[in-house]
Amino acid sequence: MPEVKLYEVTKPYIETYCSLGEGPFWEEETNTVRFLDVEKQELHRVNIDEGPSSHKLIKKLDISIGCTADIEGNDEEFIFGGKYGYGIANKKTGDYRWVKKVWSEDEIKAKKHEKFRGNDGAVDSQGRFWAGFMFDPLVEEMRSDGAVFRLNPDSSLDRPLSDICIPNGTTWNKTDDTMFFADSPDKIIYQFNFDPKTGSVTNKRPFFTMPKDNKYGENAVPDGHCIDEEGYMWTALHDGGRVLRISPQGEVVAEIKLPTSQITCPCFVGTQLFITSSGGGGPSGDDGKPVDKFAGSCFLVDVGVRGLKRFKFKGGEKVEGGKVDGKVVAE
């Protein structure tokens, strides 16, 4: 077994008290990070050069957003996977419009669009935006008929993965022939053979499985993750109070201990990891109270390696649907 390098973070970078902090995304050109509170339906931003005092709540939304990505040729907006499907939002104001609904007409008749929401996702090397959709804990009990959708640059939509409970951490390796993906309750990060030309994923198998001795906590599960330029994965452990660095062979080689339990997602900011968390009080909290002192905070730690570049969605600004009076309208 390799020697495990230890990092320890003792205080937050920003005390944000997110109910479900998620989706950190580094905008390298401005050295700012945007991130989300999925349950409080908020879009946040912080300028890393200016420090924690620059943190701003950009917008209190009327929908939840689970993940975002930049758009090729459009520096003013980002694309997101949200409550009902894919949308595009203004980076500075948070104003948004819908691009693509994801559920079929039959699924909408069954109210699936109301009972589910977007969660984690990412853009692949060909500019396709993969986004996972899961049951919405605020309105629905846990169920395993979620899915991962893929919005292609021509605005067509695919459903590569089905029968998902809580989709997290969609990434690709350095050679772009393997996709990683976690269904968190399984306590497994899976790997698939990936064909970048077609986007097909095959040969699902475990990449990393949580230890059976519960060394990171009985309820610890893999949450969001990112890949560094050396090909190693950094994965958050929700209810584990850690981020683990995992080798391409699936072995833990480093561990970041954090002063809160519900770690959700890391993203690279140069050689630093910006890390979100949940449990800071809100709709699904413990009677609205934080689960611990720094729950829902954001953290920043230098790990001495940069991340793989994040690809941009190549589909532009085409709008095929929208929302009127709070209701989704047809495409």
C-alpha atoms as a PDB file:
ATOM      1  CA  MET A   1       0.000   0.000   0.000  1.00  0.00           C
ATOM      2  CA  PRO A   2       1.313   3.491  -0.815  1.00  0.00           C
ATOM      3  CA  GLU A   3       2.080   5.936   1.976  1.00  0.00           C
ATOM      4  CA  VAL A   4      -0.873   8.263   2.507  1.00  0.00           C
ATOM      5  CA  LYS A   5      -0.033  11.987   2.526  1.00  0.00           C
ATOM      6  CA  LEU A   6      -2.119  13.917   5.032  1.00  0.00           C
ATOM      7  CA  TYR A   7      -3.488  17.457   4.767  1.00  0.00           C
ATOM      8  CA  GLU A   8      -5.575  19.079   7.466  1.00  0.00           C
ATOM      9  CA  VAL A   9      -7.821  22.105   7.092  1.00  0.00           C
ATOM     10  CA  THR A  10      -8.939  23.626  10.398  1.00  0.00           C
ATOM     11  CA  LYS A  11     -11.149  26.529   9.316  1.00  0.00           C
ATOM     12  CA  PRO A  12     -13.309  27.539   6.364  1.00  0.00           C
ATOM     13  CA  TYR A  13     -12.327  29.823   3.509  1.00  0.00           C
ATOM     14  CA  ILE A  14     -15.900  31.163   3.573  1.00  0.00           C
ATOM     15  CA  GLU A  15     -18.583  30.429   6.159  1.00  0.00           C
ATOM     16  CA  THR A  16     -21.541  30.126   3.795  1.00  0.00           C
ATOM     17  CA  TYR A  17     -23.902  27.870   5.806  1.00  0.00           C
ATOM     18  CA  CYS A  18     -25.085  26.154   2.628  1.00  0.00           C
ATOM     19  CA  SER A  19     -27.855  23.631   3.026  1.00  0.00           C
ATOM     20  CA  LEU A  20     -26.382  21.762   0.058  1.00  0.00           C
ATOM     21  CA  GLY A  21     -23.269  23.491  -1.263  1.00  0.00           C
ATOM     22  CA  GLU A  22     -22.353  22.025  -4.647  1.00  0.00           C
ATOM     23  CA  GLY A  23     -21.044  22.546  -8.146  1.00  0.00           C
ATOM     24  CA  PRO A  24     -17.902  24.670  -7.608  1.00  0.00           C
ATOM     25  CA  PHE A  25     -16.586  25.861 -10.968  1.00  0.00           C
ATOM     26  CA  TRP A  26     -13.389  27.873 -11.517  1.00  0.00           C
ATOM     27  CA  GLU A  27     -13.609  30.642 -14.108  1.00  0.00           C
ATOM     28  CA  GLU A  28      -9.900  30.826 -14.815  1.00  0.00           C
ATOM     29  CA  GLU A  29      -9.995  34.043 -16.857  1.00  0.00           C
ATOM     30  CA  THR A  30     -11.207  36.064 -13.866  1.00  0.00           C
ATOM     31  CA  ASN A  31      -9.930  33.734 -11.116  1.00  0.00           C
ATOM     32  CA  THR A  32     -13.400  33.512  -9.647  1.00  0.00           C
ATOM     33  CA  VAL A  33     -15.345  30.491  -8.435  1.00  0.00           C
ATOM     34  CA  ARG A  34     -19.078  30.146  -8.842  1.00  0.00           C
ATOM     35  CA  PHE A  35     -20.884  27.608  -6.692  1.00  0.00           C
ATOM     36  CA  LEU A  36     -24.411  26.601  -5.760  1.00  0.00           C
ATOM     37  CA  ASP A  37     -26.666  25.926  -2.834  1.00  0.00           C
ATOM     38  CA  VAL A  38     -28.927  23.361  -4.438  1.00  0.00           C
ATOM     39  CA  GLU A  39     -31.579  23.275  -1.711  1.00  0.00           C
ATOM     40  CA  LYS A  40     -31.693  27.002  -0.965  1.00  0.00           C
ATOM     41  CA  GLN A  41     -31.685  27.583  -4.744  1.00  0.00           C
ATOM     42  CA  GLU A  42     -28.803  30.049  -4.692  1.00  0.00           C
ATOM     43  CA  LEU A  43     -25.979  31.031  -7.045  1.00  0.00           C
ATOM     44  CA  HIS A  44     -22.795  32.280  -5.341  1.00  0.00           C
ATOM     45  CA  ARG A  45     -19.499  33.734  -6.540  1.00  0.00           C
ATOM     46  CA  VAL A  46     -16.141  34.592  -4.974  1.00  0.00           C
ATOM     47  CA  ASN A  47     -13.042  36.237  -6.465  1.00  0.00           C
ATOM     48  CA  ILE A  48      -9.976  34.287  -5.332  1.00  0.00           C
ATOM     49  CA  ASP A  49      -7.610  37.236  -5.886  1.00  0.00           C
ATOM     50  CA  GLU A  50      -9.747  39.477  -3.678  1.00  0.00           C
ATOM     51  CA  GLY A  51     -10.358  36.816  -1.046  1.00  0.00           C
ATOM     52  CA  PRO A  52     -13.328  35.771   1.120  1.00  0.00           C
ATOM     53  CA  SER A  53     -14.654  39.319   1.494  1.00  0.00           C
ATOM     54  CA  SER A  54     -15.547  39.284  -2.216  1.00  0.00           C
ATOM     55  CA  HIS A  55     -18.086  36.490  -1.730  1.00  0.00           C
ATOM     56  CA  LYS A  56     -21.490  37.425  -3.148  1.00  0.00           C
ATOM     57  CA  LEU A  57     -24.882  35.813  -3.380  1.00  0.00           C
ATOM     58  CA  ILE A  58     -25.579  36.452  -7.059  1.00  0.00           C
ATOM     59  CA  LYS A  59     -29.194  35.343  -7.094  1.00  0.00           C
ATOM     60  CA  LYS A  60     -31.869  33.580  -5.094  1.00  0.00           C
ATOM     61  CA  LEU A  61     -33.433  31.415  -7.806  1.00  0.00           C
ATOM     62  CA  ASP A  62     -36.912  29.960  -8.201  1.00  0.00           C
ATOM     63  CA  ILE A  63     -35.419  26.597  -9.261  1.00  0.00           C
ATOM     64  CA  SER A  64     -32.626  24.374  -8.041  1.00  0.00           C
ATOM     65  CA  ILE A  65     -29.439  24.004 -10.093  1.00  0.00           C
ATOM     66  CA  GLY A  66     -27.165  20.990  -9.589  1.00  0.00           C
ATOM     67  CA  CYS A  67     -24.222  21.594 -11.919  1.00  0.00           C
ATOM     68  CA  THR A  68     -22.893  24.153 -14.413  1.00  0.00           C
ATOM     69  CA  ALA A  69     -20.454  24.378 -17.313  1.00  0.00           C
ATOM     70  CA  ASP A  70     -19.000  27.120 -19.468  1.00  0.00           C
ATOM     71  CA  ILE A  71     -20.121  27.645 -23.067  1.00  0.00           C
ATOM     72  CA  GLU A  72     -17.726  27.836 -25.999  1.00  0.00           C
ATOM     73  CA  GLY A  73     -17.856  31.295 -27.558  1.00  0.00           C
ATOM     74  CA  ASN A  74     -20.039  32.750 -24.803  1.00  0.00           C
ATOM     75  CA  ASP A  75     -18.188  34.279 -21.854  1.00  0.00           C
ATOM     76  CA  GLU A  76     -21.245  35.976 -20.365  1.00  0.00           C
ATOM     77  CA  GLU A  77     -23.315  32.886 -19.567  1.00  0.00           C
ATOM     78  CA  PHE A  78     -23.087  29.295 -18.372  1.00  0.00           C
ATOM     79  CA  ILE A  79     -25.177  26.215 -19.049  1.00  0.00           C
ATOM     80  CA  PHE A  80     -26.667  24.231 -16.184  1.00  0.00           C
ATOM     81  CA  GLY A  81     -28.443  21.036 -15.240  1.00  0.00           C
ATOM     82  CA  GLY A  82     -31.384  22.150 -13.130  1.00  0.00           C
ATOM     83  CA  LYS A  83     -34.767  21.219 -11.763  1.00  0.00           C
ATOM     84  CA  TYR A  84     -36.482  20.402 -15.053  1.00  0.00           C
ATOM     85  CA  GLY A  85     -33.598  19.982 -17.474  1.00  0.00           C
ATOM     86  CA  TYR A  86     -30.914  22.098 -19.103  1.00  0.00           C
ATOM     87  CA  GLY A  87     -30.839  25.885 -19.025  1.00  0.00           C
ATOM     88  CA  ILE A  88     -28.541  28.848 -19.654  1.00  0.00           C
ATOM     89  CA  ALA A  89     -27.875  31.570 -17.071  1.00  0.00           C
ATOM     90  CA  ASN A  90     -26.092  34.893 -16.952  1.00  0.00           C
ATOM     91  CA  LYS A  91     -22.903  34.693 -14.868  1.00  0.00           C
ATOM     92  CA  LYS A  92     -23.341  38.132 -13.308  1.00  0.00           C
ATOM     93  CA  THR A  93     -27.079  38.216 -12.670  1.00  0.00           C
ATOM     94  CA  GLY A  94     -28.213  34.581 -12.538  1.00  0.00           C
ATOM     95  CA  ASP A  95     -31.102  35.311 -14.921  1.00  0.00           C
ATOM     96  CA  TYR A  96     -31.845  32.132 -16.843  1.00  0.00           C
ATOM     97  CA  ARG A  97     -33.803  30.537 -19.659  1.00  0.00           C
ATOM     98  CA  TRP A  98     -34.546  26.900 -20.438  1.00  0.00           C
ATOM     99  CA  VAL A  99     -32.840  25.059 -23.281  1.00  0.00           C
ATOM    100  CA  LYS A 100     -33.984  21.440 -23.075  1.00  0.00           C
ATOM    101  CA  LYS A 101     -36.380  19.475 -20.923  1.00  0.00           C
ATOM    102  CA  VAL A 102     -35.146  15.958 -20.150  1.00  0.00           C
ATOM    103  CA  TRP A 103     -38.167  13.850 -19.223  1.00  0.00           C
ATOM    104  CA  SER A 104     -40.477  12.203 -21.743  1.00  0.00           C
ATOM    105  CA  GLU A 105     -44.132  13.215 -22.028  1.00  0.00           C
ATOM    106  CA  ASP A 106     -45.155  10.055 -20.176  1.00  0.00           C
ATOM    107  CA  GLU A 107     -42.680  10.803 -17.385  1.00  0.00           C
ATOM    108  CA  ILE A 108     -43.990  14.353 -17.136  1.00  0.00           C
ATOM    109  CA  LYS A 109     -47.544  13.022 -16.870  1.00  0.00           C
ATOM    110  CA  ALA A 110     -46.283  10.922 -13.947  1.00  0.00           C
ATOM    111  CA  LYS A 111     -44.931  14.153 -12.363  1.00  0.00           C
ATOM    112  CA  LYS A 112     -41.331  12.979 -12.608  1.00  0.00           C
ATOM    113  CA  HIS A 113     -40.205  16.496 -13.518  1.00  0.00           C
ATOM    114  CA  GLU A 114     -41.608  17.697 -10.187  1.00  0.00           C
ATOM    115  CA  LYS A 115     -40.248  14.828  -8.093  1.00  0.00           C
ATOM    116  CA  PHE A 116     -36.683  14.921  -9.494  1.00  0.00           C
ATOM    117  CA  ARG A 117     -33.913  17.498  -9.887  1.00  0.00           C
ATOM    118  CA  GLY A 118     -30.509  17.937 -11.488  1.00  0.00           C
ATOM    119  CA  ASN A 119     -27.388  16.934  -9.586  1.00  0.00           C
ATOM    120  CA  ASP A 120     -23.759  16.538 -10.659  1.00  0.00           C
ATOM    121  CA  GLY A 121     -22.440  16.678 -14.238  1.00  0.00           C
ATOM    122  CA  ALA A 122     -19.684  17.769 -16.624  1.00  0.00           C
ATOM    123  CA  VAL A 123     -18.789  18.399 -20.261  1.00  0.00           C
ATOM    124  CA  ASP A 124     -16.728  15.847 -22.182  1.00  0.00           C
ATOM    125  CA  SER A 125     -13.926  16.476 -24.679  1.00  0.00           C
ATOM    126  CA  GLN A 126     -16.382  16.750 -27.584  1.00  0.00           C
ATOM    127  CA  GLY A 127     -18.444  19.459 -25.916  1.00  0.00           C
ATOM    128  CA  ARG A 128     -21.352  17.260 -24.784  1.00  0.00           C
ATOM    129  CA  PHE A 129     -22.887  18.113 -21.389  1.00  0.00           C
ATOM    130  CA  TRP A 130     -23.592  15.096 -19.155  1.00  0.00           C
ATOM    131  CA  ALA A 131     -25.913  15.782 -16.208  1.00  0.00           C
ATOM    132  CA  GLY A 132     -27.351  13.427 -13.614  1.00  0.00           C
ATOM    133  CA  PHE A 133     -30.936  13.708 -12.384  1.00  0.00           C
ATOM    134  CA  MET A 134     -32.080  12.235  -9.074  1.00  0.00           C
ATOM    135  CA  PHE A 135     -35.112  12.208  -6.778  1.00  0.00           C
ATOM    136  CA  ASP A 136     -35.579  15.569  -5.084  1.00  0.00           C
ATOM    137  CA  PRO A 137     -35.255  14.887  -1.314  1.00  0.00           C
ATOM    138  CA  LEU A 138     -37.383  17.939  -0.536  1.00  0.00           C
ATOM    139  CA  VAL A 139     -40.436  16.423  -2.205  1.00  0.00           C
ATOM    140  CA  GLU A 140     -39.785  12.713  -2.738  1.00  0.00           C
ATOM    141  CA  GLU A 141     -38.506   9.623  -0.934  1.00  0.00           C
ATOM    142  CA  MET A 142     -35.273   7.954  -2.070  1.00  0.00           C
ATOM    143  CA  ARG A 143     -35.707   6.047  -5.320  1.00  0.00           C
ATOM    144  CA  SER A 144     -33.405   4.573  -7.940  1.00  0.00           C
ATOM    145  CA  ASP A 145     -34.991   5.493 -11.243  1.00  0.00           C
ATOM    146  CA  GLY A 146     -32.875   8.559 -11.860  1.00  0.00           C
ATOM    147  CA  ALA A 147     -30.773   8.958 -14.981  1.00  0.00           C
ATOM    148  CA  VAL A 148     -27.773  10.602 -16.584  1.00  0.00           C
ATOM    149  CA  PHE A 149     -28.648  12.659 -19.661  1.00  0.00           C
ATOM    150  CA  ARG A 150     -26.297  13.959 -22.342  1.00  0.00           C
ATOM    151  CA  LEU A 151     -27.028  17.183 -24.198  1.00  0.00           C
ATOM    152  CA  ASN A 152     -25.175  17.167 -27.508  1.00  0.00           C
ATOM    153  CA  PRO A 153     -23.925  20.251 -29.402  1.00  0.00           C
ATOM    154  CA  ASP A 154     -26.718  19.835 -31.972  1.00  0.00           C
ATOM    155  CA  SER A 155     -29.274  20.060 -29.120  1.00  0.00           C
ATOM    156  CA  SER A 156     -30.189  16.371 -29.361  1.00  0.00           C
ATOM    157  CA  LEU A 157     -30.572  14.535 -26.065  1.00  0.00           C
ATOM    158  CA  ASP A 158     -29.442  11.051 -25.034  1.00  0.00           C
ATOM    159  CA  ARG A 159     -29.917   9.022 -21.853  1.00  0.00           C
ATOM    160  CA  PRO A 160     -26.677   6.989 -21.488  1.00  0.00           C
ATOM    161  CA  LEU A 161     -27.330   5.770 -17.915  1.00  0.00           C
ATOM    162  CA  SER A 162     -30.566   4.796 -16.187  1.00  0.00           C
ATOM    163  CA  ASP A 163     -31.648   3.313 -12.848  1.00  0.00           C
ATOM    164  CA  ILE A 164     -29.485   5.764 -10.892  1.00  0.00           C
ATOM    165  CA  CYS A 165     -30.099   6.855  -7.300  1.00  0.00           C
ATOM    166  CA  ILE A 166     -27.704   9.742  -6.554  1.00  0.00           C
ATOM    167  CA  PRO A 167     -25.444  10.579  -9.549  1.00  0.00           C
ATOM    168  CA  ASN A 168     -22.131  12.219  -8.707  1.00  0.00           C
ATOM    169  CA  GLY A 169     -18.685  12.971 -10.075  1.00  0.00           C
ATOM    170  CA  THR A 170     -18.750  12.528 -13.841  1.00  0.00           C
ATOM    171  CA  THR A 171     -15.163  12.837 -15.123  1.00  0.00           C
ATOM    172  CA  TRP A 172     -12.770  11.400 -17.714  1.00  0.00           C
ATOM    173  CA  ASN A 173      -9.174  10.227 -17.478  1.00  0.00           C
ATOM    174  CA  LYS A 174      -6.154  11.851 -19.135  1.00  0.00           C
ATOM    175  CA  THR A 175      -6.275   9.588 -22.181  1.00  0.00           C
ATOM    176  CA  ASP A 176     -10.014  10.147 -22.625  1.00  0.00           C
ATOM    177  CA  ASP A 177     -10.828   6.468 -22.870  1.00  0.00           C
ATOM    178  CA  THR A 178     -12.338   5.995 -19.392  1.00  0.00           C
ATOM    179  CA  MET A 179     -15.279   7.742 -17.734  1.00  0.00           C
ATOM    180  CA  PHE A 180     -15.702   7.800 -13.950  1.00  0.00           C
ATOM    181  CA  PHE A 181     -19.052   8.081 -12.229  1.00  0.00           C
ATOM    182  CA  ALA A 182     -20.403   7.506  -8.707  1.00  0.00           C
ATOM    183  CA  ASP A 183     -23.861   6.405  -7.636  1.00  0.00           C
ATOM    184  CA  SER A 184     -23.268   7.497  -4.050  1.00  0.00           C
ATOM    185  CA  PRO A 185     -25.469   5.032  -2.079  1.00  0.00           C
ATOM    186  CA  ASP A 186     -23.587   2.145  -3.732  1.00  0.00           C
ATOM    187  CA  LYS A 187     -20.421   3.441  -2.007  1.00  0.00           C
ATOM    188  CA  ILE A 188     -18.630   2.819  -5.305  1.00  0.00           C
ATOM    189  CA  ILE A 189     -16.990   5.029  -7.916  1.00  0.00           C
ATOM    190  CA  TYR A 190     -17.454   3.206 -11.209  1.00  0.00           C
ATOM    191  CA  GLN A 191     -15.384   3.322 -14.370  1.00  0.00           C
ATOM    192  CA  PHE A 192     -16.547   2.711 -17.937  1.00  0.00           C
ATOM    193  CA  ASN A 193     -14.843   2.293 -21.272  1.00  0.00           C
ATOM    194  CA  PHE A 194     -15.469   5.579 -23.067  1.00  0.00           C
ATOM    195  CA  ASP A 195     -15.511   6.292 -26.806  1.00  0.00           C
ATOM    196  CA  PRO A 196     -15.009  10.042 -27.249  1.00  0.00           C
ATOM    197  CA  LYS A 197     -16.210   9.994 -30.849  1.00  0.00           C
ATOM    198  CA  THR A 198     -19.614   8.487 -30.109  1.00  0.00           C
ATOM    199  CA  GLY A 199     -19.934   9.192 -26.377  1.00  0.00           C
ATOM    200  CA  SER A 200     -20.767   5.549 -25.690  1.00  0.00           C
ATOM    201  CA  VAL A 201     -19.972   4.060 -22.265  1.00  0.00           C
ATOM    202  CA  THR A 202     -19.531   0.304 -21.799  1.00  0.00           C
ATOM    203  CA  ASN A 203     -17.995  -2.241 -19.435  1.00  0.00           C
ATOM    204  CA  LYS A 204     -19.146  -0.764 -16.119  1.00  0.00           C
ATOM    205  CA  ARG A 205     -16.912  -1.901 -13.246  1.00  0.00           C
ATOM    206  CA  PRO A 206     -15.716  -0.604  -9.854  1.00  0.00           C
ATOM    207  CA  PHE A 207     -12.808   1.838  -9.732  1.00  0.00           C
ATOM    208  CA  PHE A 208     -12.898   2.589  -5.999  1.00  0.00           C
ATOM    209  CA  THR A 209     -15.030   0.997  -3.283  1.00  0.00           C
ATOM    210  CA  MET A 210     -15.428   2.437   0.194  1.00  0.00           C
ATOM    211  CA  PRO A 211     -13.567   0.313   2.779  1.00  0.00           C
ATOM    212  CA  LYS A 212     -15.701  -2.310   4.485  1.00  0.00           C
ATOM    213  CA  ASP A 213     -14.180  -1.420   7.859  1.00  0.00           C
ATOM    214  CA  ASN A 214     -15.883   2.011   7.644  1.00  0.00           C
ATOM    215  CA  LYS A 215     -12.585   3.738   8.406  1.00  0.00           C
ATOM    216  CA  TYR A 216     -13.971   6.997   7.024  1.00  0.00           C
ATOM    217  CA  GLY A 217     -17.311   6.661   8.806  1.00  0.00           C
ATOM    218  CA  GLU A 218     -20.227   4.274   8.653  1.00  0.00           C
ATOM    219  CA  ASN A 219     -22.304   6.592   6.472  1.00  0.00           C
ATOM    220  CA  ALA A 220     -19.457   7.985   4.349  1.00  0.00           C
ATOM    221  CA  VAL A 221     -20.096   7.845   0.599  1.00  0.00           C
ATOM    222  CA  PRO A 222     -18.239   9.192  -2.444  1.00  0.00           C
ATOM    223  CA  ASP A 223     -19.683  12.491  -3.639  1.00  0.00           C
ATOM    224  CA  GLY A 224     -18.295  14.874  -6.264  1.00  0.00           C
ATOM    225  CA  HIS A 225     -14.780  14.492  -7.625  1.00  0.00           C
ATOM    226  CA  CYS A 226     -12.216  15.951 -10.027  1.00  0.00           C
ATOM    227  CA  ILE A 227      -9.074  14.700 -11.785  1.00  0.00           C
ATOM    228  CA  ASP A 228      -5.611  16.265 -11.538  1.00  0.00           C
ATOM    229  CA  GLU A 229      -3.033  16.605 -14.324  1.00  0.00           C
ATOM    230  CA  GLU A 230      -1.181  13.535 -13.028  1.00  0.00           C
ATOM    231  CA  GLY A 231      -4.311  11.440 -13.562  1.00  0.00           C
ATOM    232  CA  TYR A 232      -5.240  11.086  -9.885  1.00  0.00           C
ATOM    233  CA  MET A 233      -8.789  11.584  -8.614  1.00  0.00           C
ATOM    234  CA  TRP A 234      -9.790  13.806  -5.700  1.00  0.00           C
ATOM    235  CA  THR A 235     -13.160  12.706  -4.308  1.00  0.00           C
ATOM    236  CA  ALA A 236     -15.269  14.232  -1.561  1.00  0.00           C
ATOM    237  CA  LEU A 237     -16.634  11.910   1.118  1.00  0.00           C
ATOM    238  CA  HIS A 238     -20.077  13.006   2.236  1.00  0.00           C
ATOM    239  CA  ASP A 239     -20.465  12.132   5.910  1.00  0.00           C
ATOM    240  CA  GLY A 240     -16.760  11.324   5.906  1.00  0.00           C
ATOM    241  CA  GLY A 241     -15.282  14.788   6.527  1.00  0.00           C
ATOM    242  CA  ARG A 242     -12.579  14.212   3.922  1.00  0.00           C
ATOM    243  CA  VAL A 243     -11.380  14.489   0.377  1.00  0.00           C
ATOM    244  CA  LEU A 244      -9.327  11.506  -0.807  1.00  0.00           C
ATOM    245  CA  ARG A 245      -6.714  11.463  -3.555  1.00  0.00           C
ATOM    246  CA  ILE A 246      -6.953   8.160  -5.426  1.00  0.00           C
ATOM    247  CA  SER A 247      -4.338   6.804  -7.826  1.00  0.00           C
ATOM    248  CA  PRO A 248      -5.204   5.559 -11.341  1.00  0.00           C
ATOM    249  CA  GLN A 249      -4.959   2.078  -9.815  1.00  0.00           C
ATOM    250  CA  GLY A 250      -7.688   2.912  -7.293  1.00  0.00           C
ATOM    251  CA  GLU A 251      -5.483   3.287  -4.202  1.00  0.00           C
ATOM    252  CA  VAL A 252      -5.744   6.130  -1.668  1.00  0.00           C
ATOM    253  CA  VAL A 253      -2.497   8.133  -1.669  1.00  0.00           C
ATOM    254  CA  ALA A 254      -3.577  11.345   0.109  1.00  0.00           C
ATOM    255  CA  GLU A 255      -6.276  12.535   2.467  1.00  0.00           C
ATOM    256  CA  ILE A 256      -7.567  16.004   3.288  1.00  0.00           C
ATOM    257  CA  LYS A 257      -9.270  16.167   6.701  1.00  0.00           C
ATOM    258  CA  LEU A 258     -11.827  18.951   6.996  1.00  0.00           C
ATOM    259  CA  PRO A 259     -13.625  20.402  10.052  1.00  0.00           C
ATOM    260  CA  THR A 260     -17.116  19.398   8.938  1.00  0.00           C
ATOM    261  CA  SER A 261     -18.659  16.079   7.981  1.00  0.00           C
ATOM    262  CA  GLN A 262     -20.758  16.608   4.864  1.00  0.00           C
ATOM    263  CA  ILE A 263     -18.164  17.306   2.179  1.00  0.00           C
ATOM    264  CA  THR A 264     -19.746  17.504  -1.267  1.00  0.00           C
ATOM    265  CA  CYS A 265     -17.447  18.531  -4.122  1.00  0.00           C
ATOM    266  CA  PRO A 266     -13.890  19.714  -4.873  1.00  0.00           C
ATOM    267  CA  CYS A 267     -12.722  21.686  -7.896  1.00  0.00           C
ATOM    268  CA  PHE A 268      -9.282  22.892  -8.917  1.00  0.00           C
ATOM    269  CA  VAL A 269      -8.328  26.562  -8.714  1.00  0.00           C
ATOM    270  CA  GLY A 270      -4.764  26.425  -9.998  1.00  0.00           C
ATOM    271  CA  THR A 271      -2.992  24.174  -7.522  1.00  0.00           C
ATOM    272  CA  GLN A 272      -5.653  24.702  -4.863  1.00  0.00           C
ATOM    273  CA  LEU A 273      -8.811  22.734  -4.240  1.00  0.00           C
ATOM    274  CA  PHE A 274     -11.975  24.710  -3.573  1.00  0.00           C
ATOM    275  CA  ILE A 275     -14.276  22.406  -1.598  1.00  0.00           C
ATOM    276  CA  THR A 276     -17.991  22.749  -0.861  1.00  0.00           C
ATOM    277  CA  SER A 277     -20.040  21.137   1.909  1.00  0.00           C
ATOM    278  CA  SER A 278     -23.621  20.760   3.094  1.00  0.00           C
ATOM    279  CA  GLY A 279     -25.565  20.589   6.345  1.00  0.00           C
ATOM    280  CA  GLY A 280     -25.466  24.298   7.106  1.00  0.00           C
ATOM    281  CA  GLY A 281     -29.119  24.544   7.946  1.00  0.00           C
ATOM    282  CA  GLY A 282     -32.060  24.702   5.584  1.00  0.00           C
ATOM    283  CA  PRO A 283     -34.895  22.670   4.103  1.00  0.00           C
ATOM    284  CA  SER A 284     -33.388  19.246   4.764  1.00  0.00           C
ATOM    285  CA  GLY A 285     -31.315  20.065   7.832  1.00  0.00           C
ATOM    286  CA  ASP A 286     -31.723  19.007  11.445  1.00  0.00           C
ATOM    287  CA  ASP A 287     -34.717  21.202  12.300  1.00  0.00           C
ATOM    288  CA  GLY A 288     -33.088  23.888  10.197  1.00  0.00           C
ATOM    289  CA  LYS A 289     -29.937  23.879  12.323  1.00  0.00           C
ATOM    290  CA  PRO A 290     -26.374  23.253  11.087  1.00  0.00           C
ATOM    291  CA  VAL A 291     -25.111  19.718  11.695  1.00  0.00           C
ATOM    292  CA  ASP A 292     -21.829  21.098  13.066  1.00  0.00           C
ATOM    293  CA  LYS A 293     -19.943  24.378  13.504  1.00  0.00           C
ATOM    294  CA  PHE A 294     -18.603  24.728   9.953  1.00  0.00           C
ATOM    295  CA  ALA A 295     -21.309  22.795   8.082  1.00  0.00           C
ATOM    296  CA  GLY A 296     -22.136  24.254   4.683  1.00  0.00           C
ATOM    297  CA  SER A 297     -18.859  26.203   4.496  1.00  0.00           C
ATOM    298  CA  CYS A 298     -16.384  26.372   1.611  1.00  0.00           C
ATOM    299  CA  PHE A 299     -12.725  25.445   2.043  1.00  0.00           C
ATOM    300  CA  LEU A 300      -9.504  26.132   0.144  1.00  0.00           C
ATOM    301  CA  VAL A 301      -6.311  24.060   0.329  1.00  0.00           C
ATOM    302  CA  ASP A 302      -3.155  23.974  -1.807  1.00  0.00           C
ATOM    303  CA  VAL A 303      -2.334  20.436  -2.954  1.00  0.00           C
ATOM    304  CA  GLY A 304       0.590  21.281  -5.250  1.00  0.00           C
ATOM    305  CA  VAL A 305      -0.874  19.941  -8.503  1.00  0.00           C
ATOM    306  CA  ARG A 306      -3.212  21.402 -11.109  1.00  0.00           C
ATOM    307  CA  GLY A 307      -6.386  19.855 -12.425  1.00  0.00           C
ATOM    308  CA  LEU A 308      -7.187  18.653 -15.905  1.00  0.00           C
ATOM    309  CA  LYS A 309      -8.799  21.399 -17.961  1.00  0.00           C
ATOM    310  CA  ARG A 310     -12.582  21.511 -18.007  1.00  0.00           C
ATOM    311  CA  PHE A 311     -14.197  21.426 -21.423  1.00  0.00           C
ATOM    312  CA  LYS A 312     -16.848  23.856 -22.627  1.00  0.00           C
ATOM    313  CA  PHE A 313     -20.266  23.042 -24.006  1.00  0.00           C
ATOM    314  CA  LYS A 314     -20.249  23.474 -27.774  1.00  0.00           C
ATOM    315  CA  GLY A 315     -23.986  23.920 -28.287  1.00  0.00           C
ATOM    316  CA  GLY A 316     -24.165  27.711 -28.175  1.00  0.00           C
ATOM    317  CA  GLU A 317     -27.270  29.599 -27.159  1.00  0.00           C
ATOM    318  CA  LYS A 318     -30.127  27.819 -28.967  1.00  0.00           C
ATOM    319  CA  VAL A 319     -33.330  28.104 -26.945  1.00  0.00           C
ATOM    320  CA  GLU A 320     -36.004  25.444 -27.414  1.00  0.00           C
ATOM    321  CA  GLY A 321     -38.211  25.902 -24.402  1.00  0.00           C
ATOM    322  CA  GLY A 322     -38.888  28.064 -21.415  1.00  0.00           C
ATOM    323  CA  LYS A 323     -40.813  28.695 -18.268  1.00  0.00           C
ATOM    324  CA  VAL A 324     -44.005  30.740 -17.982  1.00  0.00           C
ATOM    325  CA  ASP A 325     -45.457  31.662 -14.608  1.00  0.00           C
ATOM    326  CA  GLY A 326     -43.206  29.095 -12.947  1.00  0.00           C
ATOM    327  CA  LYS A 327     -44.284  26.236 -15.226  1.00  0.00           C
ATOM    328  CA  VAL A 328     -42.272  24.449 -17.872  1.00  0.00           C
ATOM    329  CA  VAL A 329     -43.611  25.017 -21.386  1.00  0.00           C
ATOM    330  CA  ALA A 330     -43.205  22.647 -24.295  1.00  0.00           C
ATOM    331  CA  GLU A 331     -40.308  22.800 -26.681  1.00  0.00           C
END
